Protein backbone atom coordinates (compact mmCIF):
# COMPACT_ATOMS: atom_id res chain seq x y z
CA LYS A 1 -24.00 -70.15 19.01
CA ARG A 2 -22.12 -70.82 15.74
CA GLY A 3 -18.74 -70.79 17.50
CA HIS A 4 -17.55 -67.22 16.98
CA ALA A 5 -16.31 -64.88 19.72
CA VAL A 6 -18.46 -61.73 19.70
CA THR A 7 -17.93 -58.48 21.60
CA MET A 8 -20.21 -55.44 21.51
CA ILE A 9 -18.58 -52.09 22.28
CA LEU A 10 -20.76 -49.05 22.90
CA PRO A 11 -21.03 -45.69 24.64
CA PRO A 12 -23.47 -46.17 27.56
CA TRP A 13 -25.85 -43.29 26.77
CA ASP A 14 -28.92 -44.91 28.31
CA PHE A 15 -27.10 -46.13 31.42
CA PRO A 16 -24.14 -43.79 32.10
CA GLN A 17 -23.56 -45.54 35.41
CA ASP A 18 -22.35 -48.53 33.37
CA ALA A 19 -19.44 -46.58 31.87
CA GLY A 20 -16.32 -48.75 31.95
CA ARG A 21 -18.27 -51.88 32.90
CA SER A 22 -18.47 -55.18 31.02
CA LEU A 23 -21.01 -57.98 31.17
CA ASP A 24 -21.75 -61.28 29.50
CA ASP A 25 -25.14 -61.50 27.77
CA ALA A 26 -25.90 -64.96 26.35
CA GLY A 27 -22.25 -65.49 25.44
CA VAL A 28 -21.78 -62.01 23.96
CA GLN A 29 -19.28 -59.80 25.79
CA VAL A 30 -20.81 -56.31 26.14
CA GLU A 31 -18.35 -53.51 26.91
CA ASN A 32 -19.39 -49.99 27.87
CA ILE A 33 -16.55 -47.58 27.19
CA ALA A 34 -15.67 -44.91 29.73
CA LEU A 35 -17.05 -41.61 28.44
CA PRO A 36 -14.53 -38.78 27.94
CA ARG A 37 -14.91 -35.31 29.40
CA SER A 38 -17.59 -33.14 27.81
CA TRP A 39 -15.30 -30.76 25.98
CA PRO A 40 -16.84 -29.27 22.79
CA LEU A 41 -15.88 -31.25 19.68
CA LEU A 42 -13.10 -33.12 21.51
CA PHE A 43 -15.79 -35.19 23.24
CA HIS A 44 -16.95 -36.61 19.91
CA ILE A 45 -13.44 -37.26 18.64
CA ASN A 46 -12.35 -38.91 21.88
CA THR A 47 -15.48 -41.08 22.04
CA MET A 48 -14.75 -42.33 18.52
CA ARG A 49 -11.12 -42.96 19.38
CA ARG A 50 -12.04 -45.00 22.44
CA LEU A 51 -14.47 -47.13 20.45
CA VAL A 52 -11.91 -47.81 17.71
CA ARG A 53 -9.04 -48.43 20.12
CA ARG A 54 -11.05 -50.93 22.14
CA ALA A 55 -12.30 -52.74 19.03
CA LEU A 56 -8.79 -53.13 17.63
CA ALA A 57 -7.49 -54.41 20.97
CA PHE A 58 -9.31 -57.69 20.26
CA GLN A 59 -7.43 -58.15 16.97
CA PRO A 60 -10.75 -58.97 15.31
CA ASP A 61 -11.39 -60.60 11.96
CA VAL A 62 -14.48 -58.44 11.47
CA ILE A 63 -15.68 -55.09 12.82
CA HIS A 64 -19.39 -54.41 12.27
CA CYS A 65 -20.46 -50.76 12.72
CA PHE A 66 -24.18 -50.46 13.37
CA LYS A 67 -25.55 -47.40 11.59
CA PRO A 68 -23.40 -45.24 9.33
CA LYS A 69 -24.07 -42.09 11.40
CA SER A 70 -22.95 -40.52 14.67
CA TYR A 71 -20.24 -42.38 16.63
CA ALA A 72 -20.59 -45.65 14.74
CA GLY A 73 -20.22 -43.67 11.52
CA LEU A 74 -17.19 -41.79 12.85
CA SER A 75 -15.64 -45.09 13.91
CA ALA A 76 -16.25 -46.61 10.46
CA TRP A 77 -14.62 -43.55 8.86
CA GLN A 78 -11.54 -43.87 11.08
CA LEU A 79 -11.26 -47.62 10.51
CA TRP A 80 -11.51 -47.19 6.73
CA GLN A 81 -8.69 -44.63 6.74
CA MET A 82 -6.57 -47.03 8.79
CA LYS A 83 -7.35 -49.86 6.36
CA ARG A 84 -6.24 -47.70 3.42
CA ALA A 85 -2.99 -47.04 5.27
CA GLY A 86 -2.50 -50.76 5.86
CA LEU A 87 -2.89 -50.42 9.65
CA VAL A 88 -6.06 -52.54 9.94
CA LYS A 89 -6.72 -55.91 8.33
CA ALA A 90 -10.18 -56.63 9.80
CA ARG A 91 -13.13 -56.66 7.39
CA LEU A 92 -15.24 -53.55 7.92
CA ILE A 93 -18.98 -54.18 7.70
CA VAL A 94 -21.55 -51.38 8.04
CA ASP A 95 -25.22 -51.90 8.94
CA ALA A 96 -28.17 -49.72 7.90
CA ASP A 97 -31.69 -50.24 9.21
CA ASP A 98 -33.20 -46.77 8.56
CA TRP A 99 -32.79 -43.84 6.22
CA GLU A 100 -31.11 -41.03 8.14
CA GLY A 101 -30.86 -38.16 5.64
CA ALA A 102 -33.49 -36.08 3.85
CA GLY A 103 -36.83 -37.88 3.93
CA GLY A 104 -35.64 -39.91 6.93
CA TRP A 105 -34.71 -39.17 10.51
CA ASN A 106 -33.25 -35.80 9.57
CA ASP A 107 -36.84 -34.71 8.89
CA LEU A 108 -38.22 -36.15 12.13
CA GLU A 109 -35.61 -35.29 14.73
CA LYS A 110 -34.95 -31.73 15.87
CA TYR A 111 -31.36 -31.72 14.67
CA SER A 112 -29.48 -28.51 13.98
CA TRP A 113 -28.66 -27.58 10.38
CA SER A 114 -25.05 -28.64 10.88
CA GLN A 115 -26.06 -31.99 12.38
CA LYS A 116 -28.37 -32.72 9.45
CA ARG A 117 -25.58 -31.94 6.98
CA MET A 118 -23.18 -34.12 8.94
CA PHE A 119 -25.54 -37.10 9.25
CA ALA A 120 -26.52 -36.95 5.57
CA TRP A 121 -22.84 -36.94 4.55
CA GLN A 122 -21.97 -39.69 7.04
CA GLU A 123 -24.75 -41.91 5.72
CA ARG A 124 -23.76 -41.69 2.07
CA TRP A 125 -20.06 -41.99 2.86
CA GLY A 126 -20.53 -44.96 5.20
CA LEU A 127 -22.75 -46.85 2.77
CA THR A 128 -20.14 -46.59 0.02
CA HIS A 129 -16.87 -47.11 1.96
CA ASN A 130 -16.74 -50.58 3.50
CA ASP A 131 -16.01 -54.21 2.77
CA GLY A 132 -19.67 -55.17 3.04
CA LEU A 133 -23.09 -53.89 3.99
CA THR A 134 -26.00 -55.39 5.89
CA VAL A 135 -29.32 -53.68 5.16
CA ALA A 136 -32.62 -54.32 6.91
CA SER A 137 -35.00 -53.58 4.03
CA ARG A 138 -35.39 -54.10 0.30
CA THR A 139 -35.67 -50.34 -0.20
CA LEU A 140 -32.32 -49.73 1.50
CA GLN A 141 -30.88 -52.47 -0.69
CA SER A 142 -32.10 -50.69 -3.83
CA ILE A 143 -30.88 -47.28 -2.62
CA VAL A 144 -27.40 -48.64 -1.96
CA TRP A 145 -27.30 -50.32 -5.38
CA SER A 146 -28.27 -46.97 -6.94
CA MET A 147 -25.19 -45.44 -5.29
CA GLY A 148 -23.01 -47.77 -7.33
CA VAL A 149 -22.25 -50.28 -4.59
CA ARG A 150 -21.75 -53.72 -6.13
CA ARG A 151 -24.61 -56.09 -5.47
CA GLU A 152 -22.39 -58.79 -4.02
CA ARG A 153 -21.27 -56.43 -1.25
CA VAL A 154 -24.85 -55.86 -0.03
CA THR A 155 -26.60 -58.43 2.16
CA TYR A 156 -30.30 -58.18 2.98
CA VAL A 157 -30.76 -58.99 6.67
CA PRO A 158 -34.24 -58.01 7.89
CA ASN A 159 -35.26 -58.18 11.51
CA GLY A 160 -36.01 -61.75 12.46
CA ILE A 161 -37.45 -63.72 15.32
CA THR A 162 -36.05 -66.26 17.74
CA GLU A 163 -37.82 -69.40 18.89
CA SER A 164 -38.18 -68.02 22.41
CA ARG A 165 -40.25 -65.09 21.08
CA ILE A 166 -42.67 -67.28 19.10
CA GLN A 167 -45.90 -68.43 20.65
CA ASN A 168 -47.32 -71.70 19.43
CA PRO A 169 -50.19 -70.58 17.18
CA GLU A 170 -52.31 -73.45 18.50
CA SER A 171 -51.96 -72.05 22.03
CA ARG A 172 -53.47 -68.69 21.11
CA ILE A 173 -56.98 -68.27 22.48
CA LEU A 174 -59.24 -66.74 19.84
CA THR A 175 -60.74 -63.67 21.45
CA PRO A 176 -64.14 -62.19 20.61
CA GLY A 177 -63.94 -59.77 17.70
CA SER A 178 -64.00 -56.45 19.54
CA CYS A 179 -60.46 -55.42 20.49
CA ILE A 180 -58.26 -53.63 17.92
CA LEU A 181 -54.60 -53.47 18.90
CA LEU A 182 -52.27 -50.63 17.93
CA TYR A 183 -48.70 -51.56 18.95
CA THR A 184 -46.59 -48.61 17.90
CA ARG A 185 -44.09 -45.78 18.31
CA PHE A 186 -46.49 -43.47 16.39
CA PHE A 187 -44.07 -41.71 14.05
CA GLU A 188 -45.00 -43.95 11.11
CA PHE A 189 -48.45 -42.38 10.57
CA LYS A 190 -50.75 -39.44 11.21
CA VAL A 191 -52.85 -40.17 14.30
CA GLU A 192 -55.92 -38.71 12.56
CA ARG A 193 -55.95 -41.83 10.39
CA VAL A 194 -56.24 -44.12 13.38
CA ILE A 195 -59.12 -42.13 14.85
CA GLU A 196 -60.98 -42.19 11.54
CA VAL A 197 -60.47 -45.96 11.21
CA LEU A 198 -61.81 -46.45 14.75
CA ARG A 199 -64.83 -44.22 14.03
CA ARG A 200 -65.70 -46.14 10.87
CA VAL A 201 -65.28 -49.52 12.55
CA ILE A 202 -67.51 -48.56 15.50
CA GLU A 203 -70.26 -47.59 13.05
CA GLN A 204 -70.37 -51.23 11.92
CA VAL A 205 -69.09 -52.99 15.06
CA PRO A 206 -70.46 -50.90 17.98
CA GLU A 207 -68.65 -52.93 20.66
CA ALA A 208 -65.20 -52.35 19.11
CA ARG A 209 -62.45 -50.83 21.25
CA LEU A 210 -58.88 -49.71 20.57
CA LEU A 211 -56.00 -50.93 22.75
CA VAL A 212 -52.94 -48.71 22.27
CA VAL A 213 -49.59 -50.13 23.41
CA GLY A 214 -46.49 -47.97 23.07
CA LYS A 215 -45.28 -44.42 23.42
CA GLY A 216 -44.45 -41.84 20.78
CA PHE A 217 -41.13 -40.07 20.33
CA PHE A 218 -42.83 -36.69 20.25
CA GLY A 219 -45.93 -37.05 22.44
CA GLU A 220 -48.18 -38.22 19.60
CA GLU A 221 -50.21 -40.33 22.02
CA GLN A 222 -51.60 -37.15 23.61
CA ARG A 223 -52.76 -35.92 20.22
CA LEU A 224 -54.47 -39.28 19.63
CA LEU A 225 -56.36 -39.10 22.92
CA GLN A 226 -57.32 -35.46 22.38
CA LEU A 227 -58.76 -36.21 18.94
CA ALA A 228 -60.68 -39.17 20.34
CA GLU A 229 -62.14 -37.00 23.09
CA SER A 230 -63.16 -34.30 20.60
CA ILE A 231 -65.45 -36.74 18.77
CA GLY A 232 -66.63 -38.64 21.83
CA LEU A 233 -64.52 -41.77 21.41
CA LYS A 234 -62.03 -41.41 24.26
CA ASP A 235 -63.87 -44.03 26.34
CA ARG A 236 -63.32 -46.49 23.47
CA ILE A 237 -59.53 -46.26 23.80
CA GLU A 238 -57.36 -47.98 26.39
CA TYR A 239 -53.87 -46.53 26.45
CA THR A 240 -51.13 -48.48 28.25
CA GLY A 241 -48.06 -46.49 27.25
CA TRP A 242 -44.75 -48.29 27.16
CA VAL A 243 -44.86 -51.74 28.77
CA ASP A 244 -42.20 -54.26 29.72
CA PRO A 245 -41.75 -56.85 26.94
CA ALA A 246 -42.75 -59.59 29.39
CA ALA A 247 -46.24 -58.05 29.50
CA LEU A 248 -46.76 -58.10 25.74
CA PRO A 249 -48.10 -61.68 25.34
CA ALA A 250 -51.04 -60.96 27.67
CA LEU A 251 -51.88 -57.77 25.77
CA PHE A 252 -51.54 -59.49 22.40
CA ALA A 253 -53.89 -62.24 23.60
CA ARG A 254 -56.68 -59.65 23.98
CA ALA A 255 -56.49 -58.55 20.35
CA GLY A 256 -59.05 -59.68 17.81
CA VAL A 257 -57.01 -57.86 15.17
CA ALA A 258 -54.01 -55.52 15.08
CA ILE A 259 -53.49 -52.58 12.74
CA GLN A 260 -50.12 -51.49 11.31
CA PRO A 261 -50.65 -48.06 9.71
CA PHE A 262 -47.65 -46.87 7.66
CA ASP A 263 -47.79 -43.66 5.64
CA ASP A 264 -46.03 -44.12 2.29
CA THR A 265 -42.84 -42.24 3.14
CA LEU A 266 -39.15 -42.89 2.58
CA ILE A 267 -38.52 -43.53 6.27
CA ASN A 268 -41.31 -46.13 6.36
CA ARG A 269 -40.16 -47.80 3.16
CA THR A 270 -36.63 -48.19 4.52
CA LYS A 271 -37.37 -49.24 8.09
CA CYS A 272 -37.99 -52.79 9.28
CA SER A 273 -40.60 -53.21 12.01
CA VAL A 274 -39.72 -55.48 14.92
CA LYS A 275 -43.21 -54.79 16.26
CA LEU A 276 -44.78 -56.36 13.18
CA THR A 277 -42.65 -59.50 13.55
CA ASP A 278 -43.70 -59.67 17.22
CA LEU A 279 -47.38 -59.52 16.26
CA LEU A 280 -47.13 -62.12 13.51
CA ALA A 281 -45.03 -64.48 15.61
CA ALA A 282 -47.61 -64.24 18.40
CA GLY A 283 -50.37 -65.19 15.96
CA VAL A 284 -52.17 -61.83 16.04
CA PRO A 285 -54.18 -61.21 12.82
CA VAL A 286 -52.78 -58.01 11.27
CA VAL A 287 -54.12 -55.42 8.84
CA ALA A 288 -51.21 -53.36 7.50
CA ASP A 289 -50.52 -50.71 4.90
CA ALA A 290 -48.72 -52.23 1.91
CA VAL A 291 -45.61 -50.09 2.42
CA GLY A 292 -41.99 -51.18 2.63
CA GLN A 293 -41.13 -54.28 4.64
CA ASN A 294 -44.77 -54.86 5.56
CA THR A 295 -45.11 -56.45 2.14
CA GLU A 296 -42.17 -58.75 2.87
CA TYR A 297 -43.49 -59.97 6.22
CA ILE A 298 -47.17 -60.39 5.29
CA ARG A 299 -48.49 -62.60 2.50
CA HIS A 300 -51.74 -60.87 1.56
CA ASN A 301 -54.86 -62.86 2.43
CA GLU A 302 -52.70 -65.75 3.63
CA THR A 303 -50.90 -64.53 6.76
CA GLY A 304 -52.54 -61.11 7.10
CA TRP A 305 -54.26 -58.33 5.19
CA LEU A 306 -52.48 -55.63 3.17
CA VAL A 307 -54.25 -52.44 2.11
CA PRO A 308 -53.02 -49.54 -0.06
CA GLY A 309 -50.88 -47.11 1.92
CA GLY A 310 -52.95 -44.40 3.59
CA ASP A 311 -56.30 -45.83 2.43
CA VAL A 312 -58.53 -45.32 5.48
CA PRO A 313 -61.70 -46.87 3.96
CA ALA A 314 -59.74 -49.99 2.91
CA MET A 315 -58.17 -50.45 6.34
CA SER A 316 -61.50 -49.89 8.08
CA GLU A 317 -63.25 -52.39 5.83
CA ALA A 318 -60.55 -55.01 6.40
CA VAL A 319 -60.73 -54.57 10.20
CA ILE A 320 -64.52 -54.88 10.17
CA LYS A 321 -64.35 -58.02 8.05
CA LEU A 322 -61.85 -59.68 10.37
CA LEU A 323 -63.68 -58.70 13.55
CA ARG A 324 -66.81 -60.36 12.12
CA ASP A 325 -65.03 -63.45 10.78
CA PRO A 326 -63.44 -65.61 13.53
CA ASP A 327 -62.58 -68.36 11.04
CA GLN A 328 -60.48 -65.99 8.94
CA ARG A 329 -58.79 -64.61 12.05
CA HIS A 330 -57.92 -68.15 13.10
CA ARG A 331 -56.43 -68.93 9.68
CA PHE A 332 -54.32 -65.77 9.70
CA SER A 333 -53.21 -66.49 13.27
CA SER A 334 -51.82 -69.95 12.60
CA HIS A 335 -50.45 -69.24 9.11
CA ALA A 336 -48.69 -66.03 10.18
CA ALA A 337 -46.87 -67.62 13.11
CA ASN A 338 -45.74 -70.59 11.02
CA ASP A 339 -44.69 -68.43 8.06
CA ILE A 340 -42.63 -65.97 10.10
CA ARG A 341 -40.91 -68.90 11.80
CA GLU A 342 -40.00 -70.46 8.48
CA ARG A 343 -38.82 -67.39 6.59
CA PHE A 344 -37.43 -65.04 9.24
CA ASP A 345 -35.95 -67.24 11.94
CA TRP A 346 -32.64 -65.74 13.11
CA ASN A 347 -31.08 -69.20 12.97
CA ARG A 348 -31.52 -68.93 9.20
CA LEU A 349 -30.82 -65.22 8.75
CA VAL A 350 -27.54 -65.46 10.64
CA GLU A 351 -26.11 -67.62 7.86
CA SER A 352 -26.17 -64.60 5.53
CA VAL A 353 -24.41 -62.51 8.17
CA GLU A 354 -21.75 -65.18 8.61
CA GLN A 355 -21.15 -65.29 4.86
CA ILE A 356 -20.56 -61.54 4.54
CA TYR A 357 -18.23 -61.71 7.55
CA GLN A 358 -16.23 -64.36 5.73
CA GLY A 359 -16.25 -62.44 2.45
CA VAL A 360 -18.32 -65.06 0.67
CA VAL A 361 -20.30 -63.71 -2.30
């Protein structure tokens, strides 16, 4: 929209039938490379080579590698070597939106020992060998600074929202205070916490129910439902699983309040929740743990409610208060939607991205 030509190049893991195909998505050219034969080790090298070769074919001013690990990380490594040899003039930008090494995804995913070593090395190498970095959280920004990367090379670019994803806060119908929404991928917290919050809330608000939207990476939703059944609360939970994004507004409209539980871990401090921006932009009153980017997106007692990380009594008390106070929920609803629009609109955030592409400090 700002006049640049943009092409995305990727291996089509999710849709292998798209290998070798291109499409135009809102003016962005999306290219799915043809996947090489599945020969051990050579497959990885050849995938990286195809990504790099295709990127350089455009004679770009900037190449932005998203994540410093796996094939994007391999591509960034190759491009940096070529830049050192004087074979590439494009600015190399690397993006980080999670912590991948120890304390991050290496601890969550079932990677082999060699994969964990490789990803941890890739991450630290990729974050320190580039012309510029975009990071999605303040914690990632601080970690990169601690590695000796100059501050002017690091640009904070959190997840933002677009106008099309924002509901007019005045159009939100204030629902009766009974439905608690959990919109999640589950890995951010122990499910026992959610069950205990629900139990405490029902003691004070007997009509309360929990609406769970989302699916876990590791089947955590089954654990949640089993725990609820063990204490007689399964009939108080409605579980939808994963839903099409087009169905989210109707589900959000049912929520009296949403909860955003985040254990105080390195992976939660470094990540940047799109789901939280969705909730705030839709005008859903949110109670969240004061961990990581949650404290950037929510202004406590103005656009939502922040509680100490992992504090079950505090989260329960805040939910009960909001369910009983429609006026406060209405204030949070309108203020949150307006605030997220003002501070985290992509039309504003993209200016920072454009500056780092141009090499502007």
